[in-house]
């Protein structure tokens, strides 16, 4: 804005010079005043016209801020050599940014393809090991099966992570029986319940929910996995919360609980908290993925916990703006 006043300031300066010269030459005051008035009017008109042109260009550039990342076609034509230099500088930065983004997108896509391929290929030796364990009955068979099951779960978590960040969405939103989804997850972890001698209290849910079956089952499995991991003795309970709270699925355990200072951060990516640091094997990814999945499904998740008494996970299953297929 300071540059916009240079023109009127120059006009005012010249008017003052003429006024002084006329005064020294004894020109009548009326003539001096009339000349000064004409110069002032001309300067104001010049300033107004320059300001209008400047404001229009400023308004155009403000509008382009939201689109400049896509294209530079809307940039106004330069009106001076300096503006031309600035435009060429912006174009050079734009080209470099696009080249960098292209390289990053290519590298990211190749990395995703590699890890997806790896996750699928690793399933073959896992299946082979499962068959070998079934044929070899020994003292360590149960322990080895449990460890192999953990490997399978980690691979499934990797695949879910990759699918969640994929550009293509495989969500199939329908009304499903919540009992069927939860029972499917419970059957998957049945051997761990038996092996750890943890009892399961399952109350019939009698609930239809608008969701994606596969992704909601993934979330329930992750919550059950955590409950079994951090519960040394006792039980895991699965039930619906009170009707006035909406459709809320509750998975409650009698495990070691979560530290109060860790509760606000348990859904952060990579955050393991006190329990994770003690366990040494926690990745801090499971609950992070659960929240992301449930957000995509328009569901919610919250956790209540008391150290030494257990943890209660609440999954809100009410939906907003979901398209039914």
Protein backbone atom coordinates (compact mmCIF):
# COMPACT_ATOMS: atom_id res chain seq x y z
CA UNK A 1 0.00 0.00 0.00
CA UNK A 2 2.89 2.35 0.64
CA UNK A 3 3.85 2.26 -3.06
CA UNK A 4 0.31 3.33 -4.04
CA UNK A 5 0.88 6.77 -2.46
CA UNK A 6 4.08 7.59 -4.32
CA UNK A 7 2.21 9.10 -7.31
CA UNK A 8 -0.01 11.47 -5.30
CA UNK A 9 2.97 12.42 -3.12
CA UNK A 10 4.99 13.38 -6.21
CA UNK A 11 2.07 15.44 -7.55
CA UNK A 12 1.73 17.21 -4.18
CA UNK A 13 5.47 17.88 -4.10
CA UNK A 14 5.46 19.45 -7.58
CA UNK A 15 2.38 21.52 -6.68
CA UNK A 16 4.25 22.87 -3.66
CA UNK A 17 7.26 23.75 -5.86
CA UNK A 18 5.05 25.63 -8.34
CA UNK A 19 3.29 27.41 -5.48
CA UNK A 20 6.60 28.60 -4.05
CA UNK A 21 7.89 29.73 -7.48
CA UNK A 22 4.65 31.62 -8.24
CA UNK A 23 4.80 33.26 -4.83
CA UNK A 24 8.40 34.38 -5.31
CA UNK A 25 7.52 35.90 -8.67
CA UNK A 26 4.64 37.80 -7.11
CA UNK A 27 1.98 35.89 -9.03
CA UNK A 28 -1.51 36.72 -7.62
CA UNK A 29 -2.58 34.42 -4.78
CA UNK A 30 -5.77 33.47 -6.66
CA UNK A 31 -3.71 32.05 -9.52
CA UNK A 32 -1.44 30.19 -7.11
CA UNK A 33 -4.41 28.74 -5.20
CA UNK A 34 -6.21 27.78 -8.40
CA UNK A 35 -3.13 25.96 -9.74
CA UNK A 36 -2.60 24.19 -6.43
CA UNK A 37 -6.27 23.14 -6.36
CA UNK A 38 -6.07 21.73 -9.87
CA UNK A 39 -2.95 19.77 -8.95
CA UNK A 40 -4.63 18.44 -5.80
CA UNK A 41 -7.76 17.33 -7.68
CA UNK A 42 -5.65 15.68 -10.35
CA UNK A 43 -3.57 13.91 -7.69
CA UNK A 44 -6.66 12.61 -5.86
CA UNK A 45 -8.18 11.31 -9.10
CA UNK A 46 -4.90 9.65 -9.99
CA UNK A 47 -4.66 8.06 -6.54
CA UNK A 48 -8.27 6.85 -6.68
CA UNK A 49 -7.85 5.27 -10.11
CA UNK A 50 -4.59 3.64 -9.08
CA UNK A 51 -6.15 2.33 -5.86
CA UNK A 52 -9.14 0.81 -7.72
CA UNK A 53 -6.84 -0.96 -10.16
CA UNK A 54 -4.64 -2.15 -7.29
CA UNK A 55 -7.62 -3.42 -5.27
CA UNK A 56 -9.03 -5.36 -8.23
CA UNK A 57 -5.71 -7.13 -8.75
CA UNK A 58 -5.43 -7.80 -5.00
CA UNK A 59 -8.96 -9.27 -4.92
CA UNK A 60 -8.17 -11.49 -7.91
CA UNK A 61 -5.01 -12.81 -6.26
CA UNK A 62 -6.92 -13.47 -3.02
CA UNK A 63 -9.40 -15.61 -4.98
CA UNK A 64 -6.56 -17.51 -6.62
CA UNK A 65 -5.03 -18.59 -3.31
CA UNK A 66 -7.39 -21.55 -3.07
CA UNK A 67 -6.64 -22.73 -6.63
CA UNK A 68 -2.99 -21.88 -7.19
CA UNK A 69 -1.97 -25.38 -6.04
CA UNK A 70 -3.86 -26.78 -9.03
CA UNK A 71 -3.10 -24.30 -11.80
CA UNK A 72 -1.46 -20.92 -12.49
CA UNK A 73 -3.74 -20.13 -15.43
CA UNK A 74 -5.75 -17.55 -13.50
CA UNK A 75 -2.81 -15.32 -12.60
CA UNK A 76 -3.26 -11.78 -13.96
CA UNK A 77 -0.94 -10.60 -16.74
CA UNK A 78 2.10 -8.71 -15.43
CA UNK A 79 2.00 -4.94 -15.89
CA UNK A 80 5.67 -4.27 -15.33
CA UNK A 81 9.06 -5.90 -15.66
CA UNK A 82 9.18 -6.46 -11.88
CA UNK A 83 5.79 -8.21 -11.91
CA UNK A 84 7.00 -10.36 -14.80
CA UNK A 85 10.02 -11.38 -12.73
CA UNK A 86 7.77 -12.31 -9.79
CA UNK A 87 5.48 -14.33 -12.06
CA UNK A 88 8.42 -16.30 -13.47
CA UNK A 89 9.62 -16.95 -9.92
CA UNK A 90 6.18 -18.26 -8.88
CA UNK A 91 6.03 -20.48 -11.99
CA UNK A 92 9.49 -21.91 -11.22
CA UNK A 93 8.46 -22.70 -7.63
CA UNK A 94 5.20 -24.23 -8.90
CA UNK A 95 7.02 -26.51 -11.35
CA UNK A 96 9.50 -27.64 -8.69
CA UNK A 97 6.67 -28.36 -6.25
CA UNK A 98 4.79 -30.45 -8.82
CA UNK A 99 7.92 -32.44 -9.67
CA UNK A 100 8.57 -33.08 -5.97
CA UNK A 101 4.95 -34.16 -5.39
CA UNK A 102 5.10 -36.49 -8.38
CA UNK A 103 8.26 -38.13 -7.06
CA UNK A 104 6.78 -38.48 -3.58
CA UNK A 105 3.52 -39.94 -4.88
CA UNK A 106 5.42 -42.43 -7.03
CA UNK A 107 7.63 -43.48 -4.12
CA UNK A 108 4.62 -43.79 -1.80
CA UNK A 109 2.66 -45.85 -4.33
CA UNK A 110 5.61 -48.19 -4.89
CA UNK A 111 6.07 -48.59 -1.14
CA UNK A 112 2.37 -49.38 -0.67
CA UNK A 113 2.46 -51.92 -3.50
CA UNK A 114 5.53 -53.59 -2.01
CA UNK A 115 4.10 -53.90 1.50
CA UNK A 116 0.74 -55.09 0.16
CA UNK A 117 2.53 -57.76 -1.87
CA UNK A 118 4.66 -58.71 1.14
CA UNK A 119 1.62 -58.99 3.42
CA UNK A 120 -0.13 -61.29 0.95
CA UNK A 121 2.96 -63.40 0.29
CA UNK A 122 3.72 -63.90 3.98
CA UNK A 123 0.36 -65.59 4.36
CA UNK A 124 1.65 -68.61 2.40
CA UNK A 125 4.39 -69.64 4.90
CA UNK A 126 2.01 -68.84 7.76
CA UNK A 127 -0.57 -71.24 6.32
CA UNK A 128 2.17 -73.86 5.82
CA UNK A 129 3.25 -73.49 9.45
CA UNK A 130 -0.35 -73.83 10.58
CA UNK A 131 -0.63 -77.14 8.72
CA UNK A 132 2.65 -78.38 10.18
CA UNK A 133 1.51 -77.54 13.69
CA UNK A 134 -1.74 -79.41 13.18
CA UNK A 135 0.18 -82.54 12.21
CA UNK A 136 2.77 -82.21 14.99
CA UNK A 137 1.23 -82.82 18.39
CA UNK A 138 3.59 -82.03 21.22
CA UNK A 139 4.07 -80.12 24.44
CA UNK A 140 4.81 -76.86 22.64
CA UNK A 141 2.03 -77.12 20.07
CA UNK A 142 -0.37 -74.84 21.97
CA UNK A 143 2.33 -72.23 22.61
CA UNK A 144 3.49 -72.27 19.00
CA UNK A 145 -0.09 -72.00 17.74
CA UNK A 146 -0.68 -68.98 19.94
CA UNK A 147 2.44 -67.25 18.67
CA UNK A 148 1.54 -68.05 15.07
CA UNK A 149 -1.91 -66.59 15.69
CA UNK A 150 -0.26 -63.36 16.84
CA UNK A 151 1.76 -63.26 13.62
CA UNK A 152 -1.43 -63.68 11.62
CA UNK A 153 -3.03 -60.82 13.53
CA UNK A 154 -0.06 -58.52 12.89
CA UNK A 155 -0.22 -59.30 9.17
CA UNK A 156 -3.95 -58.58 9.14
CA UNK A 157 -3.26 -55.29 10.90
CA UNK A 158 -0.73 -54.35 8.21
CA UNK A 159 -3.23 -55.14 5.45
CA UNK A 160 -5.94 -53.14 7.22
CA UNK A 161 -3.56 -50.21 7.61
CA UNK A 162 -2.73 -50.31 3.90
CA UNK A 163 -6.37 -50.63 2.85
CA UNK A 164 -7.41 -47.78 5.11
CA UNK A 165 -4.97 -45.40 3.44
CA UNK A 166 -5.84 -46.67 -0.03
CA UNK A 167 -7.47 -44.25 -2.46
CA UNK A 168 -10.14 -46.83 -3.28
CA UNK A 169 -12.67 -47.41 -0.55
CA UNK A 170 -14.14 -50.88 -0.11
CA UNK A 171 -16.83 -49.88 2.37
CA UNK A 172 -20.12 -51.75 1.92
CA UNK A 173 -22.69 -50.04 4.12
CA UNK A 174 -25.69 -52.20 5.00
CA UNK A 175 -27.76 -53.16 8.00
CA UNK A 176 -26.11 -56.07 9.78
CA UNK A 177 -26.83 -58.11 12.87
CA UNK A 178 -24.45 -56.91 15.56
CA UNK A 179 -24.65 -60.31 17.26
CA UNK A 180 -23.30 -62.02 14.12
CA UNK A 181 -20.38 -59.59 13.82
CA UNK A 182 -19.39 -59.90 17.48
CA UNK A 183 -19.79 -63.70 17.54
CA UNK A 184 -17.51 -63.92 14.50
CA UNK A 185 -14.80 -62.01 16.38
CA UNK A 186 -15.30 -64.05 19.54
CA UNK A 187 -14.93 -67.35 17.65
CA UNK A 188 -11.65 -66.10 16.23
CA UNK A 189 -10.25 -65.60 19.74
CA UNK A 190 -11.94 -68.61 21.35
CA UNK A 191 -8.67 -70.56 21.75
CA UNK A 192 -7.03 -67.64 23.53
CA UNK A 193 -9.95 -67.39 25.95
CA UNK A 194 -9.54 -71.08 26.76
CA UNK A 195 -5.75 -70.98 26.91
CA UNK A 196 -5.66 -67.98 29.27
CA UNK A 197 -8.65 -69.32 31.27
CA UNK A 198 -10.53 -66.07 30.88
CA UNK A 199 -14.30 -66.36 30.98
CA UNK A 200 -16.55 -64.58 28.48
CA UNK A 201 -19.84 -62.99 29.49
CA UNK A 202 -21.80 -62.38 26.33
CA UNK A 203 -25.30 -60.90 26.50
CA UNK A 204 -27.46 -61.17 23.39
CA UNK A 205 -27.26 -57.77 21.70
CA UNK A 206 -30.46 -57.97 19.62
CA UNK A 207 -29.38 -55.01 17.54
CA UNK A 208 -29.28 -54.16 13.85
CA UNK A 209 -26.58 -51.64 12.93
CA UNK A 210 -25.90 -49.65 9.78
CA UNK A 211 -22.20 -50.25 9.15
CA UNK A 212 -19.57 -52.15 7.18
CA UNK A 213 -19.37 -55.72 8.46
CA UNK A 214 -15.70 -56.34 7.71
CA UNK A 215 -14.37 -53.11 9.21
CA UNK A 216 -16.55 -53.23 12.32
CA UNK A 217 -15.45 -56.84 12.88
CA UNK A 218 -11.83 -55.64 12.60
CA UNK A 219 -12.46 -53.08 15.35
CA UNK A 220 -14.14 -55.60 17.65
CA UNK A 221 -11.24 -58.02 17.09
CA UNK A 222 -8.71 -55.34 18.02
CA UNK A 223 -10.58 -54.51 21.23
CA UNK A 224 -10.85 -58.20 22.15
CA UNK A 225 -7.15 -58.67 21.38
CA UNK A 226 -6.23 -55.85 23.77
CA UNK A 227 -8.60 -57.17 26.42
CA UNK A 228 -7.00 -60.63 26.26
CA UNK A 229 -3.48 -59.23 26.14
CA UNK A 230 -3.85 -57.15 29.31
CA UNK A 231 -6.16 -59.43 31.32
CA UNK A 232 -4.28 -62.02 33.34
CA UNK A 233 -7.33 -63.42 35.12
CA UNK A 234 -11.01 -62.71 35.33
CA UNK A 235 -13.39 -62.12 32.46
CA UNK A 236 -14.37 -60.14 29.39
CA UNK A 237 -17.96 -58.92 29.10
CA UNK A 238 -19.75 -57.87 25.92
CA UNK A 239 -23.14 -56.14 26.14
CA UNK A 240 -25.19 -53.17 24.94
CA UNK A 241 -25.32 -50.00 26.99
CA UNK A 242 -28.59 -48.55 28.22
CA UNK A 243 -31.06 -47.72 25.39
CA UNK A 244 -31.15 -44.01 26.28
CA UNK A 245 -27.44 -43.85 25.41
CA UNK A 246 -28.16 -44.92 21.82
CA UNK A 247 -26.67 -47.98 20.15
CA UNK A 248 -23.52 -48.42 22.22
CA UNK A 249 -21.56 -51.68 22.23
CA UNK A 250 -19.51 -52.18 25.39
CA UNK A 251 -16.51 -54.51 25.71
CA UNK A 252 -15.34 -54.62 29.32
CA UNK A 253 -12.45 -56.54 30.87
CA UNK A 254 -11.02 -57.06 34.34
CA UNK A 255 -7.44 -56.47 33.23
CA UNK A 256 -4.64 -54.28 34.48
CA UNK A 257 -6.31 -51.05 33.33
CA UNK A 258 -4.84 -47.93 31.77
CA UNK A 259 -3.04 -45.12 33.58
CA UNK A 260 -5.15 -41.96 33.88
CA UNK A 261 -2.47 -39.86 32.18
CA UNK A 262 -2.43 -42.27 29.21
CA UNK A 263 -6.19 -42.29 28.55
CA UNK A 264 -6.32 -39.01 26.56
CA UNK A 265 -3.60 -40.28 24.18
CA UNK A 266 -4.43 -43.95 23.64
CA UNK A 267 -5.80 -43.25 20.14
CA UNK A 268 -2.67 -41.45 18.97
CA UNK A 269 -0.63 -43.19 16.30
CA UNK A 270 2.34 -45.01 17.84
CA UNK A 271 1.49 -44.08 21.43
CA UNK A 272 1.93 -47.12 23.71
CA UNK A 273 1.70 -45.56 27.16
CA UNK A 274 2.84 -47.17 30.40
CA UNK A 275 1.37 -50.60 29.57
CA UNK A 276 2.97 -50.64 26.13
CA UNK A 277 6.39 -49.74 27.49
CA UNK A 278 6.08 -52.51 30.08
CA UNK A 279 4.88 -55.05 27.50
CA UNK A 280 7.68 -54.15 25.03
CA UNK A 281 5.64 -55.57 22.12
CA UNK A 282 2.90 -53.00 21.80
CA UNK A 283 2.89 -51.06 18.51
CA UNK A 284 0.48 -48.27 19.38
CA UNK A 285 -1.33 -48.85 16.08
CA UNK A 286 -4.38 -50.93 17.04
CA UNK A 287 -6.47 -48.28 18.78
CA UNK A 288 -5.33 -45.66 16.28
CA UNK A 289 -6.71 -47.80 13.45
CA UNK A 290 -9.90 -48.45 15.42
CA UNK A 291 -10.64 -44.75 15.74
CA UNK A 292 -9.89 -44.09 12.07
CA UNK A 293 -12.10 -46.96 10.95
CA UNK A 294 -14.97 -45.94 13.21
CA UNK A 295 -14.69 -42.33 12.06
CA UNK A 296 -15.07 -43.49 8.44
CA UNK A 297 -18.12 -45.50 9.51
CA UNK A 298 -19.59 -42.50 11.36
CA UNK A 299 -19.25 -44.37 14.67
CA UNK A 300 -17.49 -43.30 17.85
CA UNK A 301 -15.21 -44.91 20.41
CA UNK A 302 -14.35 -43.99 23.99
CA UNK A 303 -12.46 -45.70 26.79
CA UNK A 304 -12.95 -45.71 30.54
CA UNK A 305 -10.40 -47.44 32.74
CA UNK A 306 -9.23 -47.86 36.29
CA UNK A 307 -5.77 -49.22 37.04
CA UNK A 308 -5.98 -52.67 38.59
CA UNK A 309 -9.72 -53.01 37.96
CA UNK A 310 -10.16 -53.11 34.20
CA UNK A 311 -11.09 -51.23 31.06
CA UNK A 312 -14.42 -50.45 29.43
CA UNK A 313 -14.48 -49.66 25.69
CA UNK A 314 -17.65 -48.08 24.32
CA UNK A 315 -18.38 -48.13 20.59
CA UNK A 316 -21.16 -45.75 19.57
CA UNK A 317 -22.94 -47.29 16.60
CA UNK A 318 -25.29 -44.47 15.67
CA UNK A 319 -24.63 -43.35 12.10
CA UNK A 320 -24.67 -40.00 10.31
CA UNK A 321 -24.97 -39.41 6.55
CA UNK A 322 -24.07 -42.98 5.53
CA UNK A 323 -25.21 -44.24 2.14
CA UNK A 324 -26.97 -47.59 2.31
CA UNK A 325 -26.12 -49.97 -0.54
